[in-house]
Amino acid sequence: MRVISPEGKQLGIIDTPKAVTLALENGLDLVEVAPNAQPPVCRIMDFGKYVYEEQKKHSHAKSTGSKIKEIEFSARIAPNDFNTKLRHAEEFLDHGNKVKLRLKFRGREMARTEIGFNVMKSAVVELAGMGHPDAEPKLIGRNIHVMITPLPPNKRKLKFHERTEGGGVAAEPDIDGETDDESEPS
């Protein structure tokens, strides 16, 4: 069988018992890499470490998948609350997360669902620079739902935040030019 050293160098074609003793001398395992090759290829490596690193790669790949963040509105939302919720949604979209916008009707608000649809449509329009809706807003029970998927990173345009040098998001400047993050005693 053809044997490869732990450093990745080819040791040549060696008999199986010799290859096993060579691996044991190094305190490592002899792992068959390509059984169908002629001659079969084996590698001297720490198999436990290899399995651990492969699991780590796969678990890391799962955790970086997009998450769904939910923002809840009401039909009679004040403009400043509306902007705050849009600022949070924009931040989630900037991090690559999907955002589910949900408007909850209370009591007699169900008689005027068009008000809720107007709120949701204006939210979708405000977030158009960061993401696009998967479908039109839908009334389901007492709620209106719409899912927004983020645009590719190079096409995102922040509206409520500014990008910092490190790629993060800074707070929106106030009217007097100061950001929300700056805290000076009054």
Protein backbone atom coordinates (compact mmCIF):
# COMPACT_ATOMS: atom_id res chain seq x y z
CA MET A 1 0.00 0.00 0.00
CA ARG A 2 1.09 3.60 -0.62
CA VAL A 3 1.73 5.41 2.66
CA ILE A 4 1.63 9.17 3.35
CA SER A 5 3.42 10.63 6.38
CA PRO A 6 1.72 12.92 8.96
CA GLU A 7 3.41 15.90 7.27
CA GLY A 8 1.87 14.94 3.90
CA LYS A 9 5.01 13.49 2.28
CA GLN A 10 4.79 10.21 0.39
CA LEU A 11 6.79 7.43 2.02
CA GLY A 12 6.30 5.12 -0.96
CA ILE A 13 4.81 1.64 -1.24
CA ILE A 14 5.20 -0.24 2.06
CA ASP A 15 3.86 -3.60 3.29
CA THR A 16 0.87 -3.38 5.64
CA PRO A 17 2.61 -4.73 8.78
CA LYS A 18 5.54 -2.30 8.29
CA ALA A 19 3.12 0.62 7.80
CA VAL A 20 1.22 -0.30 10.97
CA THR A 21 4.41 -0.48 13.06
CA LEU A 22 5.58 2.84 11.57
CA ALA A 23 2.31 4.47 12.61
CA LEU A 24 2.48 2.97 16.11
CA GLU A 25 6.08 4.18 16.53
CA ASN A 26 4.83 7.73 15.93
CA GLY A 27 1.89 7.19 18.31
CA LEU A 28 -0.60 7.70 15.47
CA ASP A 29 -3.11 5.66 13.45
CA LEU A 30 -2.89 4.22 9.93
CA VAL A 31 -6.02 5.40 8.09
CA GLU A 32 -7.08 4.15 4.66
CA VAL A 33 -7.75 7.25 2.56
CA ALA A 34 -8.37 5.81 -0.90
CA PRO A 35 -9.26 2.10 -0.75
CA ASN A 36 -10.15 1.86 -4.48
CA ALA A 37 -6.81 3.21 -5.73
CA GLN A 38 -4.11 0.87 -7.03
CA PRO A 39 -2.27 0.39 -4.67
CA PRO A 40 -4.58 1.53 -1.81
CA VAL A 41 -3.51 4.81 -0.19
CA CYS A 42 -3.13 5.07 3.60
CA ARG A 43 -2.16 8.03 5.75
CA ILE A 44 -0.49 8.13 9.14
CA MET A 45 -2.52 10.53 11.29
CA ASP A 46 -4.26 11.05 14.63
CA PHE A 47 -7.70 9.74 13.66
CA GLY A 48 -9.43 11.05 16.80
CA LYS A 49 -8.20 14.57 16.09
CA TYR A 50 -9.28 14.25 12.45
CA VAL A 51 -12.83 13.18 13.43
CA TYR A 52 -13.03 16.02 15.99
CA GLU A 53 -11.99 18.65 13.42
CA GLU A 54 -14.50 17.33 10.86
CA GLN A 55 -17.32 17.51 13.44
CA LYS A 56 -16.25 21.03 14.34
CA LYS A 57 -16.40 22.07 10.67
CA HIS A 58 -19.91 20.66 10.27
CA SER A 59 -21.28 22.13 13.50
CA HIS A 60 -19.79 25.53 12.64
CA ALA A 61 -21.47 25.42 9.22
CA LYS A 62 -24.85 24.77 10.84
CA SER A 63 -24.54 27.60 13.34
CA THR A 64 -23.73 30.20 10.69
CA GLY A 65 -27.01 29.52 8.85
CA SER A 66 -29.54 32.32 8.78
CA LYS A 67 -31.79 32.79 11.75
CA ILE A 68 -35.27 34.27 11.70
CA LYS A 69 -35.82 37.36 13.83
CA GLU A 70 -39.34 38.58 14.50
CA ILE A 71 -40.52 42.18 14.86
CA GLU A 72 -44.07 42.88 16.08
CA PHE A 73 -46.05 45.97 15.10
CA SER A 74 -49.51 47.19 16.03
CA ALA A 75 -51.99 48.98 13.79
CA ARG A 76 -51.84 52.21 15.83
CA ILE A 77 -48.04 52.39 16.16
CA ALA A 78 -46.48 55.78 16.79
CA PRO A 79 -43.96 57.07 14.19
CA ASN A 80 -41.01 56.98 16.60
CA ASP A 81 -41.82 53.39 17.67
CA PHE A 82 -42.20 52.44 14.01
CA ASN A 83 -38.74 53.86 13.23
CA THR A 84 -37.20 52.09 16.23
CA LYS A 85 -38.58 48.75 15.11
CA LEU A 86 -37.36 49.38 11.55
CA ARG A 87 -33.90 50.25 12.91
CA HIS A 88 -33.81 46.86 14.70
CA ALA A 89 -35.03 45.06 11.57
CA GLU A 90 -32.35 46.80 9.49
CA GLU A 91 -29.68 45.68 11.95
CA PHE A 92 -30.91 42.06 11.79
CA LEU A 93 -30.91 42.16 7.99
CA ASP A 94 -27.41 43.65 7.99
CA HIS A 95 -26.22 40.63 10.01
CA GLY A 96 -27.71 38.33 7.34
CA ASN A 97 -30.77 37.19 9.32
CA LYS A 98 -34.24 36.86 7.84
CA VAL A 99 -36.82 39.13 9.49
CA LYS A 100 -40.45 38.22 10.04
CA LEU A 101 -42.64 41.30 10.39
CA ARG A 102 -45.87 40.65 12.27
CA LEU A 103 -48.67 43.11 12.87
CA LYS A 104 -51.07 42.11 15.63
CA PHE A 105 -54.64 43.39 15.63
CA ARG A 106 -56.34 43.98 18.98
CA GLY A 107 -60.04 44.26 19.67
CA ARG A 108 -62.00 46.23 17.07
CA GLU A 109 -58.91 46.93 14.95
CA MET A 110 -59.93 43.90 12.85
CA ALA A 111 -62.71 46.03 11.35
CA ARG A 112 -60.06 48.24 9.69
CA THR A 113 -57.43 45.80 8.41
CA GLU A 114 -56.42 48.24 5.65
CA ILE A 115 -54.68 50.37 8.31
CA GLY A 116 -52.55 47.37 9.26
CA PHE A 117 -51.76 46.58 5.62
CA ASN A 118 -50.65 50.21 5.11
CA VAL A 119 -48.29 49.95 8.11
CA MET A 120 -46.80 46.69 6.82
CA LYS A 121 -46.42 47.99 3.25
CA SER A 122 -44.66 51.12 4.49
CA ALA A 123 -42.32 48.94 6.61
CA VAL A 124 -41.47 46.82 3.55
CA VAL A 125 -40.83 49.99 1.50
CA GLU A 126 -38.57 51.43 4.23
CA LEU A 127 -36.54 48.19 4.36
CA ALA A 128 -36.27 47.81 0.56
CA GLY A 129 -32.59 48.83 0.62
CA MET A 130 -31.72 45.97 2.97
CA GLY A 131 -34.00 43.11 1.90
CA HIS A 132 -36.91 42.00 -0.20
CA PRO A 133 -40.19 40.41 0.88
CA ASP A 134 -40.68 36.71 0.09
CA ALA A 135 -44.39 37.36 -0.56
CA GLU A 136 -47.01 40.06 -0.13
CA PRO A 137 -48.22 40.70 3.45
CA LYS A 138 -50.92 38.14 4.38
CA LEU A 139 -53.68 38.29 6.95
CA ILE A 140 -53.65 35.09 9.01
CA GLY A 141 -56.12 35.11 11.87
CA ARG A 142 -55.60 38.34 13.81
CA ASN A 143 -52.10 38.93 12.42
CA ILE A 144 -50.52 40.18 9.21
CA HIS A 145 -47.24 38.42 8.36
CA VAL A 146 -44.48 39.17 5.87
CA MET A 147 -41.00 37.59 5.69
CA ILE A 148 -38.07 39.72 4.52
CA THR A 149 -34.90 38.08 3.15
CA PRO A 150 -31.67 40.11 3.24
CA LEU A 151 -30.09 41.29 0.01
CA PRO A 152 -26.50 40.20 -0.79
CA PRO A 153 -24.02 42.16 1.39
CA ASN A 154 -22.74 44.30 -1.51
CA LYS A 155 -26.28 45.49 -2.40
CA ARG A 156 -27.46 46.46 1.09
CA LYS A 157 -28.04 50.18 1.71
CA LEU A 158 -28.46 51.25 5.33
CA LYS A 159 -31.14 53.85 5.92
CA PHE A 160 -31.39 54.11 9.70
CA HIS A 161 -27.75 53.35 10.65
CA GLU A 162 -24.24 54.25 9.52
CA ARG A 163 -21.47 51.71 8.97
CA THR A 164 -18.40 52.01 11.18
CA GLU A 165 -14.84 51.35 10.00
CA GLY A 166 -14.89 47.82 11.48
CA GLY A 167 -17.90 46.89 9.36
CA GLY A 168 -20.31 47.18 12.29
CA VAL A 169 -23.33 49.42 12.53
CA ALA A 170 -23.29 52.75 14.39
CA ALA A 171 -26.37 54.43 15.79
CA GLU A 172 -28.24 57.01 13.76
CA PRO A 173 -27.13 60.59 14.45
CA ASP A 174 -29.58 62.80 16.34
CA ILE A 175 -30.75 66.18 15.07
CA ASP A 176 -27.92 67.95 16.93
CA GLY A 177 -25.31 65.71 15.22
CA GLU A 178 -24.55 63.44 18.18
CA THR A 179 -25.12 59.70 17.97
CA ASP A 180 -27.25 57.79 20.45
CA ASP A 181 -24.12 55.99 21.69
CA GLU A 182 -22.43 59.16 22.92
CA SER A 183 -23.37 59.88 26.50
CA GLU A 184 -22.42 63.29 27.87
CA PRO A 185 -23.66 64.58 31.20
CA SER A 186 -26.24 67.33 30.69
